[in-house]
Amino acid sequence: MVVVFGGVAAEGRAVTRSDVTALLLTKRDVGASYSLNRGFTYRWTLAERSEGAGSTLRRDLAAKWVAGAQTGFDGGAAVSRQAIVSTADVFRTSSIASIRRAWEAAYLDLGKGARLPIPSGAPGEARFLMRGRMLSDGTKLEVLLYQWQHGKTLRSVWLIARPGVPRVSRLITLAHLQAAYPKPVDKATRDREQVQSNVRSSIPAIEAYAADRPSAGYSGMTVAKLRVIDAGIANVEIVRAGRDTYCVQDTVGGQTASFSRPAAELVLSPC
């Protein structure tokens, strides 16, 4: 599994492959004590979502899965360094019980987890709540996971921290916030969020490209070469690319966003 270890109907409007990220928690949702983990924020490919799956699950995913994404947030000292992960998968059909159950079994196995009672009022259908554990650089961590289905989408929220820190009440509060997405937004806001997502989602592949070429860095980088690393990258524009610097941008509607090195900041302006 990837997490930790065409258009479909959802919440009253269409969710397409390109804007599946509209189903995820945002920085505003998690609060000021958290920062976005850019390396843990990206859209999945079918190959990634099928990793480690048996033949039956692979066939089901190939037939039913449309798109998926995750975003991660790192907590500061005020929240005991707790991490939050938000995921969303979009399918062609709501008949995904076999996929849902296979993922639940995998989470229980990988996380050495145990099912917990579902709190009253928790959002969604086919709900799944688990407490598990994991190791990170030799440190023992506790994992709380809540997964639920809504129509043709499957969503989840994870809390990861030292044992005793994650709380079910906090997890369900975040799940309610995520369950409210996608919210109706005006075109300018939708374009702005989309263009930021397009640029942000290209960054892991850009960094992987440079890491594989330590002597040349980002030089010679093109979108075609990045799509060898991640076929799901949007039609962004590489404005410049040198050994140690680059700038990537995209425009949707009237909104333009860009990200550059060494500034390492996503801004709502061209390169």
Protein backbone atom coordinates (compact mmCIF):
# COMPACT_ATOMS: atom_id res chain seq x y z
CA MET A 1 0.00 0.00 0.00
CA VAL A 2 1.11 3.57 -0.61
CA VAL A 3 -0.12 5.28 2.54
CA VAL A 4 2.35 5.14 5.43
CA PHE A 5 3.74 1.62 5.46
CA GLY A 6 -12.98 10.29 -16.05
CA GLY A 7 -15.38 12.12 -13.61
CA VAL A 8 -17.65 10.64 -10.98
CA ALA A 9 -20.38 12.07 -8.78
CA ALA A 10 -19.43 13.05 -5.23
CA GLU A 11 -21.08 15.45 -2.77
CA GLY A 12 -23.26 17.00 -5.45
CA ARG A 13 -20.70 17.83 -8.13
CA ALA A 14 -18.30 16.00 -10.44
CA VAL A 15 -14.85 15.07 -9.19
CA THR A 16 -12.41 14.46 -12.02
CA ARG A 17 -9.03 12.82 -12.17
CA SER A 18 -7.34 16.23 -12.11
CA ASP A 19 -9.07 17.59 -9.01
CA VAL A 20 -9.21 14.56 -6.72
CA THR A 21 -7.07 16.69 -4.38
CA ALA A 22 -10.24 18.73 -3.73
CA LEU A 23 -11.33 15.83 -1.48
CA LEU A 24 -8.33 16.15 0.87
CA LEU A 25 -7.79 18.07 4.09
CA THR A 26 -6.14 21.46 3.75
CA LYS A 27 -3.72 23.47 5.88
CA ARG A 28 -6.67 25.52 7.11
CA ASP A 29 -8.39 22.34 8.33
CA VAL A 30 -5.48 21.03 10.40
CA GLY A 31 -4.47 24.35 12.00
CA ALA A 32 -1.49 26.60 12.51
CA SER A 33 0.52 24.02 14.47
CA TYR A 34 0.98 21.94 11.31
CA SER A 35 3.09 22.41 8.19
CA LEU A 36 2.55 20.74 4.83
CA ASN A 37 4.79 17.75 4.17
CA ARG A 38 5.41 18.34 0.45
CA GLY A 39 7.21 15.04 -0.04
CA PHE A 40 4.16 13.20 1.26
CA THR A 41 1.65 15.16 -0.82
CA TYR A 42 0.98 13.82 -4.29
CA ARG A 43 -1.42 12.01 -6.61
CA TRP A 44 -1.10 8.26 -7.01
CA THR A 45 -0.72 6.24 -10.15
CA LEU A 46 -2.62 2.98 -10.60
CA ALA A 47 0.68 1.12 -10.26
CA GLU A 48 1.36 2.73 -6.89
CA ARG A 49 -2.16 2.04 -5.64
CA SER A 50 -1.83 -1.59 -6.73
CA GLU A 51 1.57 -2.14 -5.09
CA GLY A 52 1.64 -5.31 -3.02
CA ALA A 53 -1.90 -6.30 -4.06
CA GLY A 54 -2.91 -9.80 -5.08
CA SER A 55 -4.12 -10.60 -8.58
CA THR A 56 -7.83 -10.25 -7.72
CA LEU A 57 -7.39 -6.84 -6.14
CA ARG A 58 -5.22 -5.69 -9.04
CA ARG A 59 -7.98 -6.61 -11.49
CA ASP A 60 -10.58 -4.81 -9.39
CA LEU A 61 -8.46 -1.67 -9.21
CA ALA A 62 -7.72 -1.72 -12.94
CA ALA A 63 -11.45 -1.95 -13.67
CA LYS A 64 -12.80 0.49 -11.07
CA TRP A 65 -10.14 2.94 -9.84
CA VAL A 66 -10.07 6.41 -11.44
CA ALA A 67 -7.72 8.53 -9.35
CA GLY A 68 -6.31 8.98 -5.88
CA ALA A 69 -4.20 11.36 -3.83
CA GLN A 70 -2.85 11.98 -0.38
CA THR A 71 -1.53 14.92 1.61
CA GLY A 72 0.51 14.96 4.79
CA PHE A 73 1.04 17.49 7.58
CA ASP A 74 3.80 17.54 10.21
CA GLY A 75 2.86 18.76 13.65
CA GLY A 76 5.03 20.99 15.81
CA ALA A 77 5.88 20.75 19.49
CA ALA A 78 2.50 22.22 20.48
CA VAL A 79 0.79 19.09 19.14
CA SER A 80 3.46 16.63 20.29
CA ARG A 81 4.91 16.24 16.77
CA GLN A 82 1.78 14.43 15.63
CA ALA A 83 1.47 13.85 11.87
CA ILE A 84 -1.78 13.92 9.89
CA VAL A 85 -2.37 12.11 6.61
CA SER A 86 -5.47 12.61 4.44
CA THR A 87 -6.26 10.35 1.46
CA ALA A 88 -8.96 10.10 -1.19
CA ASP A 89 -9.67 7.61 -3.98
CA VAL A 90 -12.24 8.03 -6.72
CA PHE A 91 -13.86 5.05 -8.48
CA ARG A 92 -16.09 4.46 -11.50
CA THR A 93 -18.67 2.74 -9.33
CA SER A 94 -19.82 2.63 -5.72
CA SER A 95 -19.53 -1.19 -5.76
CA ILE A 96 -16.07 -1.30 -4.19
CA ALA A 97 -16.64 -3.56 -1.18
CA SER A 98 -13.94 -6.02 -2.25
CA ILE A 99 -11.36 -3.22 -2.62
CA ARG A 100 -12.35 -1.61 0.66
CA ARG A 101 -12.14 -4.87 2.60
CA ALA A 102 -8.79 -5.79 1.04
CA TRP A 103 -7.33 -2.44 2.09
CA GLU A 104 -8.75 -2.79 5.59
CA ALA A 105 -7.15 -6.23 5.93
CA ALA A 106 -3.82 -4.86 4.68
CA TYR A 107 -3.89 -1.98 7.16
CA LEU A 108 -4.66 -4.34 10.04
CA ASP A 109 -1.85 -6.65 8.98
CA LEU A 110 0.82 -4.05 8.24
CA GLY A 111 -0.02 -1.96 11.27
CA LYS A 112 -0.52 -4.92 13.61
CA GLY A 113 -3.78 -3.17 14.26
CA ALA A 114 -7.09 -3.75 15.97
CA ARG A 115 -10.54 -2.52 14.97
CA LEU A 116 -12.16 0.02 17.26
CA PRO A 117 -15.86 0.79 17.78
CA ILE A 118 -17.18 3.48 15.43
CA PRO A 119 -18.10 6.63 17.40
CA SER A 120 -21.66 7.86 17.10
CA GLY A 121 -22.00 10.45 14.35
CA ALA A 122 -18.80 9.53 12.51
CA PRO A 123 -19.18 10.39 8.80
CA GLY A 124 -19.68 8.12 5.82
CA GLU A 125 -20.71 4.59 5.04
CA ALA A 126 -18.83 1.28 5.37
CA ARG A 127 -16.80 2.85 8.16
CA PHE A 128 -13.51 1.45 9.49
CA LEU A 129 -11.59 2.59 12.57
CA MET A 130 -8.25 1.09 13.55
CA ARG A 131 -5.49 1.58 16.10
CA GLY A 132 -2.11 0.21 15.06
CA ARG A 133 1.60 0.82 15.40
CA MET A 134 4.64 1.39 13.24
CA LEU A 135 8.37 2.06 13.49
CA SER A 136 10.04 5.17 12.12
CA ASP A 137 13.83 5.30 12.37
CA GLY A 138 13.61 2.93 15.32
CA THR A 139 10.96 5.02 17.11
CA LYS A 140 7.70 3.31 18.07
CA LEU A 141 4.64 5.22 16.89
CA GLU A 142 0.90 4.81 17.35
CA VAL A 143 -1.39 5.02 14.33
CA LEU A 144 -5.10 5.87 14.33
CA LEU A 145 -6.88 5.40 11.00
CA TYR A 146 -10.46 6.20 10.05
CA GLN A 147 -11.63 5.18 6.56
CA TRP A 148 -15.09 5.63 5.09
CA GLN A 149 -16.94 5.40 1.80
CA HIS A 150 -19.11 8.11 0.31
CA GLY A 151 -20.70 7.19 -2.99
CA LYS A 152 -17.93 6.56 -5.49
CA THR A 153 -15.17 7.80 -3.20
CA LEU A 154 -13.14 6.19 -0.43
CA ARG A 155 -11.46 8.55 2.02
CA SER A 156 -9.31 8.28 5.11
CA VAL A 157 -7.60 10.29 7.83
CA TRP A 158 -4.56 9.09 9.79
CA LEU A 159 -3.01 10.36 13.02
CA ILE A 160 0.57 9.23 13.71
CA ALA A 161 2.52 10.09 16.87
CA ARG A 162 4.14 8.73 19.98
CA PRO A 163 1.97 6.19 21.83
CA GLY A 164 -0.82 7.88 23.76
CA VAL A 165 -0.84 11.08 21.71
CA PRO A 166 -3.38 10.30 18.91
CA ARG A 167 -7.00 10.76 19.99
CA VAL A 168 -10.08 9.28 18.32
CA SER A 169 -12.03 12.49 18.97
CA ARG A 170 -9.48 14.54 17.00
CA LEU A 171 -9.46 11.95 14.22
CA ILE A 172 -13.23 12.06 13.79
CA THR A 173 -13.27 15.86 13.88
CA LEU A 174 -10.82 15.87 10.96
CA ALA A 175 -12.88 13.21 9.17
CA HIS A 176 -15.95 15.46 9.38
CA LEU A 177 -13.95 18.31 7.85
CA GLN A 178 -12.74 16.10 5.01
CA ALA A 179 -16.19 14.58 4.47
CA ALA A 180 -17.52 18.06 3.65
CA TYR A 181 -15.36 18.26 0.52
CA PRO A 182 -15.66 19.12 -2.29
CA LYS A 183 -17.30 22.39 -1.33
CA PRO A 184 -18.89 24.66 -3.93
CA VAL A 185 -16.32 27.25 -4.97
CA ASP A 186 -16.22 30.03 -7.51
CA LYS A 187 -14.23 29.55 -10.70
CA ALA A 188 -11.33 31.79 -9.65
CA THR A 189 -10.86 29.87 -6.42
CA ARG A 190 -11.16 26.54 -8.20
CA ASP A 191 -8.61 27.62 -10.82
CA ARG A 192 -6.23 28.88 -8.14
CA GLU A 193 -6.43 25.64 -6.16
CA GLN A 194 -6.01 23.58 -9.32
CA VAL A 195 -2.97 25.46 -10.59
CA GLN A 196 -1.30 25.24 -7.17
CA SER A 197 -2.03 21.51 -7.07
CA ASN A 198 -0.62 21.01 -10.58
CA VAL A 199 2.65 22.72 -9.70
CA ARG A 200 2.91 21.15 -6.25
CA SER A 201 2.32 17.64 -7.61
CA SER A 202 5.21 18.01 -10.06
CA ILE A 203 7.81 18.74 -7.36
CA PRO A 204 8.50 15.14 -6.17
CA ALA A 205 9.27 14.04 -9.74
CA ILE A 206 11.49 17.10 -10.30
CA GLU A 207 13.48 16.34 -7.16
CA ALA A 208 13.73 12.66 -8.10
CA TYR A 209 15.01 13.65 -11.55
CA ALA A 210 17.82 15.73 -10.03
CA ALA A 211 18.65 13.10 -7.42
CA ASP A 212 19.28 10.55 -10.17
CA ARG A 213 21.71 12.96 -11.88
CA PRO A 214 23.89 14.42 -9.10
CA SER A 215 26.46 15.94 -11.47
CA ALA A 216 23.89 17.55 -13.79
CA GLY A 217 21.08 18.30 -11.34
CA TYR A 218 17.97 19.81 -12.92
CA SER A 219 19.61 20.67 -16.26
CA GLY A 220 17.97 19.19 -19.34
CA MET A 221 14.71 18.61 -17.46
CA THR A 222 11.51 18.47 -19.54
CA VAL A 223 7.93 17.53 -18.78
CA ALA A 224 8.32 14.45 -20.99
CA LYS A 225 11.27 13.27 -18.89
CA LEU A 226 9.36 13.94 -15.67
CA ARG A 227 6.45 11.84 -16.91
CA VAL A 228 8.77 8.86 -17.12
CA ILE A 229 9.02 9.22 -13.34
CA ASP A 230 5.35 10.13 -12.76
CA ALA A 231 2.93 9.73 -15.66
CA GLY A 232 0.27 11.72 -13.81
CA ILE A 233 2.09 15.06 -13.91
CA ALA A 234 -0.07 17.87 -15.29
CA ASN A 235 0.88 19.89 -18.36
CA VAL A 236 3.16 22.22 -16.41
CA GLU A 237 5.86 24.36 -18.04
CA ILE A 238 9.56 24.12 -17.20
CA VAL A 239 10.60 27.75 -17.65
CA ARG A 240 14.24 27.25 -16.74
CA ALA A 241 16.38 24.36 -15.51
CA GLY A 242 20.03 24.53 -14.53
CA ARG A 243 22.27 22.35 -12.42
CA ASP A 244 21.11 23.81 -9.11
CA THR A 245 18.12 25.95 -10.08
CA TYR A 246 14.81 25.58 -11.85
CA CYS A 247 11.39 27.15 -12.12
CA VAL A 248 8.18 25.32 -13.00
CA GLN A 249 4.85 27.03 -13.58
CA ASP A 250 1.31 26.39 -14.75
CA THR A 251 -1.70 28.51 -15.69
CA VAL A 252 -5.35 27.55 -15.27
CA GLY A 253 -7.93 30.11 -16.34
CA GLY A 254 -6.52 33.41 -15.19
CA GLN A 255 -4.46 31.95 -12.34
CA THR A 256 -0.71 31.24 -12.55
CA ALA A 257 1.43 29.50 -9.93
CA SER A 258 5.12 28.67 -9.89
CA PHE A 259 7.78 26.97 -7.78
CA SER A 260 11.50 27.53 -8.03
CA ARG A 261 14.83 26.58 -6.57
CA PRO A 262 16.58 27.85 -4.56
CA ALA A 263 13.60 29.91 -3.29
CA ALA A 264 11.63 26.67 -2.56
CA GLU A 265 8.34 28.53 -2.30
CA LEU A 266 5.07 28.02 -4.17
CA VAL A 267 3.81 31.44 -5.27
CA LEU A 268 0.82 32.72 -7.24
CA SER A 269 2.90 34.40 -9.94
CA PRO A 270 4.85 33.33 -13.02
CA CYS A 271 8.53 32.40 -12.96
